[in-house]
Amino acid sequence: MFTGLIDDIGVVERITPRAGGVRLVIRPGALPVDDLTLGESIASSGACLTVVERGAGLVSFDAVPETLARTTLGGWRPGTRVNLERALRLSDRLGGHLVAGHVDAVGEVLARKPEGQGARLTISLPAAVAPLVAEKGSIAVDGVSLTVASAGRDRFDVALIPETLARTTLGAAAPGRPVNLEVDVVARHVARLGQFVTLDAGALRAWGYPGGGAP
């Protein structure tokens, strides 16, 4: 699990085809490569990848066809800048929100405009995840934990503070750029549950939730 608070920005060094997928080699900017362990998880612009090799200032990951097809990773090229976050320790502060590193959909930046000292992005919202995105809820955009400023049926807005612009790749996000989207994990599971049961007061009361109504 991750928090959506970015540790570093890396740059794709090279991409090598490998058994139907690719091997991605990334050069972190400040992340201590020698401290990484083989097999640990790194969120790379929102996609959870496993360290398969590291050293000489580089870290490598294998991406399978499923990952390449369902995220922006299939469009990465040498020179692509990538948000990097190490996995959450149980003792860490949860400054963002719980992020699994499992990309739900790819959106596109539709508009960008200055807003105070920051910026507001309007991002397309694929129909499959639109019901799971709500105003003032949380969403991860390229792995960055953000609060939804407004939400429509096919788009949503996020407001970026100067710190986010400076410390993540969203500082350079412009209209036309594809971005990885991960909805709030709680919203995802509530929606799935609703496919099997009716979420009425009786069901909530039976599961021990307060406010389920009088027995």
C-alpha atoms as a PDB file:
ATOM      1  CA  MET A   1       0.000   0.000   0.000  1.00  0.00           C
ATOM      2  CA  PHE A   2       1.000   3.609  -0.614  1.00  0.00           C
ATOM      3  CA  THR A   3      -0.107   7.067   0.513  1.00  0.00           C
ATOM      4  CA  GLY A   4       0.023   9.020  -2.737  1.00  0.00           C
ATOM      5  CA  LEU A   5       2.751  11.290  -1.341  1.00  0.00           C
ATOM      6  CA  ILE A   6       5.545  11.192  -3.904  1.00  0.00           C
ATOM      7  CA  ASP A   7       9.085  10.447  -2.708  1.00  0.00           C
ATOM      8  CA  ASP A   8      10.966  11.280  -5.879  1.00  0.00           C
ATOM      9  CA  ILE A   9      10.806  11.833  -9.627  1.00  0.00           C
ATOM     10  CA  GLY A  10      12.711   9.382 -11.798  1.00  0.00           C
ATOM     11  CA  VAL A  11      13.476   9.324 -15.514  1.00  0.00           C
ATOM     12  CA  VAL A  12      13.056   6.315 -17.785  1.00  0.00           C
ATOM     13  CA  GLU A  13      16.565   5.351 -18.919  1.00  0.00           C
ATOM     14  CA  ARG A  14      15.698   2.513 -21.286  1.00  0.00           C
ATOM     15  CA  ILE A  15      12.951   0.054 -22.195  1.00  0.00           C
ATOM     16  CA  THR A  16      13.743  -3.466 -23.352  1.00  0.00           C
ATOM     17  CA  PRO A  17      11.201  -5.930 -24.790  1.00  0.00           C
ATOM     18  CA  ARG A  18      11.089  -9.049 -22.642  1.00  0.00           C
ATOM     19  CA  ALA A  19       8.886 -12.177 -22.996  1.00  0.00           C
ATOM     20  CA  GLY A  20       5.755 -10.378 -24.135  1.00  0.00           C
ATOM     21  CA  GLY A  21       6.271  -7.454 -21.792  1.00  0.00           C
ATOM     22  CA  VAL A  22       9.092  -5.023 -21.197  1.00  0.00           C
ATOM     23  CA  ARG A  23      11.820  -4.297 -18.692  1.00  0.00           C
ATOM     24  CA  LEU A  24      11.747  -0.689 -17.536  1.00  0.00           C
ATOM     25  CA  VAL A  25      14.977   0.840 -16.281  1.00  0.00           C
ATOM     26  CA  ILE A  26      14.501   4.054 -14.322  1.00  0.00           C
ATOM     27  CA  ARG A  27      17.037   6.474 -12.885  1.00  0.00           C
ATOM     28  CA  PRO A  28      15.635   7.992  -9.663  1.00  0.00           C
ATOM     29  CA  GLY A  29      16.554  11.557  -8.870  1.00  0.00           C
ATOM     30  CA  ALA A  30      17.152  11.248  -5.130  1.00  0.00           C
ATOM     31  CA  LEU A  31      15.750   7.877  -4.072  1.00  0.00           C
ATOM     32  CA  PRO A  32      18.608   5.828  -2.527  1.00  0.00           C
ATOM     33  CA  VAL A  33      18.819   2.984  -5.038  1.00  0.00           C
ATOM     34  CA  ASP A  34      21.206   0.938  -2.883  1.00  0.00           C
ATOM     35  CA  ASP A  35      18.640   0.930  -0.058  1.00  0.00           C
ATOM     36  CA  LEU A  36      16.015  -0.735  -2.253  1.00  0.00           C
ATOM     37  CA  THR A  37      15.557  -4.469  -1.905  1.00  0.00           C
ATOM     38  CA  LEU A  38      14.789  -6.951  -4.661  1.00  0.00           C
ATOM     39  CA  GLY A  39      11.096  -7.755  -4.613  1.00  0.00           C
ATOM     40  CA  GLU A  40       9.936  -4.565  -2.919  1.00  0.00           C
ATOM     41  CA  SER A  41       7.107  -2.547  -4.417  1.00  0.00           C
ATOM     42  CA  ILE A  42       7.494   0.931  -5.876  1.00  0.00           C
ATOM     43  CA  ALA A  43       4.545   2.948  -7.149  1.00  0.00           C
ATOM     44  CA  SER A  44       5.637   4.315 -10.513  1.00  0.00           C
ATOM     45  CA  SER A  45       3.266   7.094 -11.590  1.00  0.00           C
ATOM     46  CA  GLY A  46       0.594   5.165  -9.732  1.00  0.00           C
ATOM     47  CA  ALA A  47       1.337   1.641 -10.968  1.00  0.00           C
ATOM     48  CA  CYS A  48       2.721  -0.785  -8.392  1.00  0.00           C
ATOM     49  CA  LEU A  49       5.872  -2.374  -9.813  1.00  0.00           C
ATOM     50  CA  THR A  50       8.324  -4.856  -8.298  1.00  0.00           C
ATOM     51  CA  VAL A  51      12.047  -4.150  -8.106  1.00  0.00           C
ATOM     52  CA  VAL A  52      13.845  -6.860 -10.087  1.00  0.00           C
ATOM     53  CA  GLU A  53      17.292  -5.282 -10.286  1.00  0.00           C
ATOM     54  CA  ARG A  54      19.042  -2.241  -8.861  1.00  0.00           C
ATOM     55  CA  GLY A  55      22.490  -0.710  -8.800  1.00  0.00           C
ATOM     56  CA  ALA A  56      24.675   1.953 -10.393  1.00  0.00           C
ATOM     57  CA  GLY A  57      21.950   4.525  -9.736  1.00  0.00           C
ATOM     58  CA  LEU A  58      19.322   2.563 -11.687  1.00  0.00           C
ATOM     59  CA  VAL A  59      16.317   0.468 -10.707  1.00  0.00           C
ATOM     60  CA  SER A  60      14.587  -2.039 -13.012  1.00  0.00           C
ATOM     61  CA  PHE A  61      11.033  -3.356 -13.179  1.00  0.00           C
ATOM     62  CA  ASP A  62       9.249  -5.862 -15.410  1.00  0.00           C
ATOM     63  CA  ALA A  63       5.885  -4.827 -16.852  1.00  0.00           C
ATOM     64  CA  VAL A  64       3.571  -7.491 -18.289  1.00  0.00           C
ATOM     65  CA  PRO A  65       1.171  -6.920 -21.220  1.00  0.00           C
ATOM     66  CA  GLU A  66      -1.789  -6.388 -18.848  1.00  0.00           C
ATOM     67  CA  THR A  67       0.009  -3.498 -17.161  1.00  0.00           C
ATOM     68  CA  LEU A  68       1.086  -1.982 -20.463  1.00  0.00           C
ATOM     69  CA  ALA A  69      -2.458  -2.157 -21.847  1.00  0.00           C
ATOM     70  CA  ARG A  70      -4.299  -0.769 -18.803  1.00  0.00           C
ATOM     71  CA  THR A  71      -1.959   2.043 -17.742  1.00  0.00           C
ATOM     72  CA  THR A  72       0.101   4.800 -19.315  1.00  0.00           C
ATOM     73  CA  LEU A  73       3.233   2.639 -19.065  1.00  0.00           C
ATOM     74  CA  GLY A  74       2.719   1.374 -22.610  1.00  0.00           C
ATOM     75  CA  GLY A  75       3.420   4.898 -23.834  1.00  0.00           C
ATOM     76  CA  TRP A  76       6.550   5.525 -21.776  1.00  0.00           C
ATOM     77  CA  ARG A  77       9.749   6.254 -23.653  1.00  0.00           C
ATOM     78  CA  PRO A  78      13.333   7.002 -22.610  1.00  0.00           C
ATOM     79  CA  GLY A  79      13.213  10.431 -20.996  1.00  0.00           C
ATOM     80  CA  THR A  80       9.690  10.041 -19.564  1.00  0.00           C
ATOM     81  CA  ARG A  81       9.518  11.475 -16.044  1.00  0.00           C
ATOM     82  CA  VAL A  82       7.920   9.183 -13.458  1.00  0.00           C
ATOM     83  CA  ASN A  83       6.549   9.750  -9.952  1.00  0.00           C
ATOM     84  CA  LEU A  84       8.099   7.282  -7.491  1.00  0.00           C
ATOM     85  CA  GLU A  85       6.857   6.248  -4.046  1.00  0.00           C
ATOM     86  CA  ARG A  86       8.101   3.463  -1.798  1.00  0.00           C
ATOM     87  CA  ALA A  87       5.532   1.294  -0.033  1.00  0.00           C
ATOM     88  CA  LEU A  88       3.952   2.472   3.206  1.00  0.00           C
ATOM     89  CA  ARG A  89       5.363   1.254   6.514  1.00  0.00           C
ATOM     90  CA  LEU A  90       2.789   0.442   9.188  1.00  0.00           C
ATOM     91  CA  SER A  91       4.444   3.036  11.418  1.00  0.00           C
ATOM     92  CA  ASP A  92       4.268   5.825   8.806  1.00  0.00           C
ATOM     93  CA  ARG A  93       1.879   8.752   8.912  1.00  0.00           C
ATOM     94  CA  LEU A  94      -0.918   8.457   6.353  1.00  0.00           C
ATOM     95  CA  GLY A  95      -0.606  11.970   4.976  1.00  0.00           C
ATOM     96  CA  GLY A  96      -2.456  11.257   1.731  1.00  0.00           C
ATOM     97  CA  HIS A  97      -4.952   8.380   1.446  1.00  0.00           C
ATOM     98  CA  LEU A  98      -4.682   4.620   1.039  1.00  0.00           C
ATOM     99  CA  VAL A  99      -3.440   3.914  -2.485  1.00  0.00           C
ATOM    100  CA  ALA A 100      -3.042   0.344  -3.726  1.00  0.00           C
ATOM    101  CA  GLY A 101      -1.031   1.046  -6.862  1.00  0.00           C
ATOM    102  CA  HIS A 102      -3.683  -0.694  -8.965  1.00  0.00           C
ATOM    103  CA  VAL A 103      -4.663   1.606 -11.817  1.00  0.00           C
ATOM    104  CA  ASP A 104      -8.417   1.632 -12.459  1.00  0.00           C
ATOM    105  CA  ALA A 105      -8.449   3.656 -15.669  1.00  0.00           C
ATOM    106  CA  VAL A 106      -6.497   6.074 -17.819  1.00  0.00           C
ATOM    107  CA  GLY A 107      -7.811   9.616 -18.082  1.00  0.00           C
ATOM    108  CA  GLU A 108      -6.646  12.585 -20.132  1.00  0.00           C
ATOM    109  CA  VAL A 109      -5.864  16.114 -19.033  1.00  0.00           C
ATOM    110  CA  LEU A 110      -8.506  18.233 -20.766  1.00  0.00           C
ATOM    111  CA  ALA A 111      -7.604  21.671 -19.439  1.00  0.00           C
ATOM    112  CA  ARG A 112      -5.191  23.461 -17.151  1.00  0.00           C
ATOM    113  CA  LYS A 113      -5.545  26.938 -15.738  1.00  0.00           C
ATOM    114  CA  PRO A 114      -3.750  28.949 -13.068  1.00  0.00           C
ATOM    115  CA  GLU A 115      -5.533  29.172  -9.729  1.00  0.00           C
ATOM    116  CA  GLY A 116      -3.900  31.425  -7.165  1.00  0.00           C
ATOM    117  CA  GLN A 117      -0.340  30.197  -6.740  1.00  0.00           C
ATOM    118  CA  GLY A 118      -1.324  26.738  -7.957  1.00  0.00           C
ATOM    119  CA  ALA A 119      -3.223  25.277 -10.886  1.00  0.00           C
ATOM    120  CA  ARG A 120      -6.491  23.493 -11.617  1.00  0.00           C
ATOM    121  CA  LEU A 121      -6.569  20.460 -13.881  1.00  0.00           C
ATOM    122  CA  THR A 122      -9.672  19.138 -15.600  1.00  0.00           C
ATOM    123  CA  ILE A 123      -9.307  15.433 -16.335  1.00  0.00           C
ATOM    124  CA  SER A 124     -11.533  13.112 -18.341  1.00  0.00           C
ATOM    125  CA  LEU A 125     -13.410  10.505 -16.321  1.00  0.00           C
ATOM    126  CA  PRO A 126     -13.968   7.132 -18.008  1.00  0.00           C
ATOM    127  CA  ALA A 127     -17.517   5.827 -17.578  1.00  0.00           C
ATOM    128  CA  ALA A 128     -16.359   2.684 -15.767  1.00  0.00           C
ATOM    129  CA  VAL A 129     -15.075   4.668 -12.777  1.00  0.00           C
ATOM    130  CA  ALA A 130     -17.253   7.799 -12.930  1.00  0.00           C
ATOM    131  CA  PRO A 131     -19.660   6.620 -10.183  1.00  0.00           C
ATOM    132  CA  LEU A 132     -16.700   6.100  -7.836  1.00  0.00           C
ATOM    133  CA  VAL A 133     -15.405   9.678  -7.995  1.00  0.00           C
ATOM    134  CA  ALA A 134     -17.102  12.230  -5.762  1.00  0.00           C
ATOM    135  CA  GLU A 135     -16.509  15.874  -4.903  1.00  0.00           C
ATOM    136  CA  LYS A 136     -14.212  16.184  -1.856  1.00  0.00           C
ATOM    137  CA  GLY A 137     -13.316  12.506  -2.178  1.00  0.00           C
ATOM    138  CA  SER A 138      -9.808  11.212  -2.807  1.00  0.00           C
ATOM    139  CA  ILE A 139      -8.264  10.094  -6.082  1.00  0.00           C
ATOM    140  CA  ALA A 140      -4.730   9.206  -7.164  1.00  0.00           C
ATOM    141  CA  VAL A 141      -3.606  10.842 -10.419  1.00  0.00           C
ATOM    142  CA  ASP A 142      -0.311   9.394 -11.672  1.00  0.00           C
ATOM    143  CA  GLY A 143       0.149   8.157  -8.126  1.00  0.00           C
ATOM    144  CA  VAL A 144      -0.403  11.571  -6.504  1.00  0.00           C
ATOM    145  CA  SER A 145      -3.024  11.711  -3.743  1.00  0.00           C
ATOM    146  CA  LEU A 146      -5.449  14.518  -4.568  1.00  0.00           C
ATOM    147  CA  THR A 147      -8.819  15.791  -3.409  1.00  0.00           C
ATOM    148  CA  VAL A 148     -11.541  15.983  -6.047  1.00  0.00           C
ATOM    149  CA  ALA A 149     -12.512  19.665  -6.357  1.00  0.00           C
ATOM    150  CA  SER A 150     -15.549  18.972  -8.540  1.00  0.00           C
ATOM    151  CA  ALA A 151     -16.931  15.946 -10.356  1.00  0.00           C
ATOM    152  CA  GLY A 152     -19.183  15.599 -13.392  1.00  0.00           C
ATOM    153  CA  ARG A 153     -20.332  12.602 -15.361  1.00  0.00           C
ATOM    154  CA  ASP A 154     -17.344  12.546 -17.708  1.00  0.00           C
ATOM    155  CA  ARG A 155     -14.726  14.766 -16.053  1.00  0.00           C
ATOM    156  CA  PHE A 156     -13.429  15.993 -12.731  1.00  0.00           C
ATOM    157  CA  ASP A 157     -11.235  18.801 -11.431  1.00  0.00           C
ATOM    158  CA  VAL A 158      -8.322  18.765  -9.007  1.00  0.00           C
ATOM    159  CA  ALA A 159      -6.611  21.811  -7.504  1.00  0.00           C
ATOM    160  CA  LEU A 160      -2.826  21.560  -7.285  1.00  0.00           C
ATOM    161  CA  ILE A 161      -0.880  23.505  -4.687  1.00  0.00           C
ATOM    162  CA  PRO A 162       2.625  24.823  -5.494  1.00  0.00           C
ATOM    163  CA  GLU A 163       4.229  21.970  -3.514  1.00  0.00           C
ATOM    164  CA  THR A 164       2.517  19.382  -5.714  1.00  0.00           C
ATOM    165  CA  LEU A 165       3.495  21.245  -8.864  1.00  0.00           C
ATOM    166  CA  ALA A 166       7.126  21.359  -7.751  1.00  0.00           C
ATOM    167  CA  ARG A 167       7.511  17.825  -6.403  1.00  0.00           C
ATOM    168  CA  THR A 168       5.568  15.706  -8.910  1.00  0.00           C
ATOM    169  CA  THR A 169       5.279  15.275 -12.660  1.00  0.00           C
ATOM    170  CA  LEU A 170       1.885  16.996 -12.551  1.00  0.00           C
ATOM    171  CA  GLY A 171       3.789  20.264 -12.561  1.00  0.00           C
ATOM    172  CA  ALA A 172       4.249  19.730 -16.303  1.00  0.00           C
ATOM    173  CA  ALA A 173       0.844  18.183 -17.018  1.00  0.00           C
ATOM    174  CA  ALA A 174      -0.767  19.831 -20.042  1.00  0.00           C
ATOM    175  CA  PRO A 175      -3.924  19.175 -22.084  1.00  0.00           C
ATOM    176  CA  GLY A 176      -3.669  15.932 -24.029  1.00  0.00           C
ATOM    177  CA  ARG A 177      -1.520  14.126 -21.488  1.00  0.00           C
ATOM    178  CA  PRO A 178      -2.772  10.678 -20.401  1.00  0.00           C
ATOM    179  CA  VAL A 179      -2.729  10.009 -16.651  1.00  0.00           C
ATOM    180  CA  ASN A 180      -3.216   6.928 -14.501  1.00  0.00           C
ATOM    181  CA  LEU A 181      -6.273   7.074 -12.243  1.00  0.00           C
ATOM    182  CA  GLU A 182      -6.913   5.069  -9.094  1.00  0.00           C
ATOM    183  CA  VAL A 183     -10.185   5.658  -7.268  1.00  0.00           C
ATOM    184  CA  ASP A 184     -10.531   5.497  -3.508  1.00  0.00           C
ATOM    185  CA  VAL A 185     -10.290   1.873  -2.396  1.00  0.00           C
ATOM    186  CA  VAL A 186     -13.326   2.210  -0.107  1.00  0.00           C
ATOM    187  CA  ALA A 187     -15.495   3.479  -2.978  1.00  0.00           C
ATOM    188  CA  ARG A 188     -14.374   0.560  -5.132  1.00  0.00           C
ATOM    189  CA  HIS A 189     -15.375  -2.053  -2.557  1.00  0.00           C
ATOM    190  CA  VAL A 190     -18.692  -0.402  -1.698  1.00  0.00           C
ATOM    191  CA  ALA A 191     -19.605  -0.379  -5.389  1.00  0.00           C
ATOM    192  CA  ARG A 192     -18.684  -4.051  -5.728  1.00  0.00           C
ATOM    193  CA  LEU A 193     -20.713  -4.950  -2.664  1.00  0.00           C
ATOM    194  CA  GLY A 194     -23.702  -3.141  -4.127  1.00  0.00           C
ATOM    195  CA  GLN A 195     -23.669  -5.542  -7.085  1.00  0.00           C
ATOM    196  CA  PHE A 196     -24.556  -8.428  -4.760  1.00  0.00           C
ATOM    197  CA  VAL A 197     -26.705  -6.968  -1.985  1.00  0.00           C
ATOM    198  CA  THR A 198     -29.125  -4.129  -1.414  1.00  0.00           C
ATOM    199  CA  LEU A 199     -27.455  -1.537   0.789  1.00  0.00           C
ATOM    200  CA  ASP A 200     -30.513  -0.644   2.855  1.00  0.00           C
ATOM    201  CA  ALA A 201     -30.773   0.221   6.548  1.00  0.00           C
ATOM    202  CA  GLY A 202     -31.403  -3.407   7.488  1.00  0.00           C
ATOM    203  CA  ALA A 203     -28.252  -4.655   5.808  1.00  0.00           C
ATOM    204  CA  LEU A 204     -26.146  -1.923   7.374  1.00  0.00           C
ATOM    205  CA  ARG A 205     -27.599  -2.666  10.815  1.00  0.00           C
ATOM    206  CA  ALA A 206     -26.921  -6.393  10.392  1.00  0.00           C
ATOM    207  CA  TRP A 207     -23.269  -5.656   9.647  1.00  0.00           C
ATOM    208  CA  GLY A 208     -22.949  -3.511  12.765  1.00  0.00           C
ATOM    209  CA  TYR A 209     -22.903  -0.067  11.174  1.00  0.00           C
ATOM    210  CA  PRO A 210     -24.397   2.725  13.310  1.00  0.00           C
ATOM    211  CA  GLY A 211     -27.278   4.726  11.907  1.00  0.00           C
ATOM    212  CA  GLY A 212     -28.850   1.720  10.265  1.00  0.00           C
ATOM    213  CA  GLY A 213     -32.241   2.681  11.593  1.00  0.00           C
ATOM    214  CA  ALA A 214     -34.313   1.395  14.485  1.00  0.00           C
ATOM    215  CA  PRO A 215     -34.623  -2.396  14.812  1.00  0.00           C
END
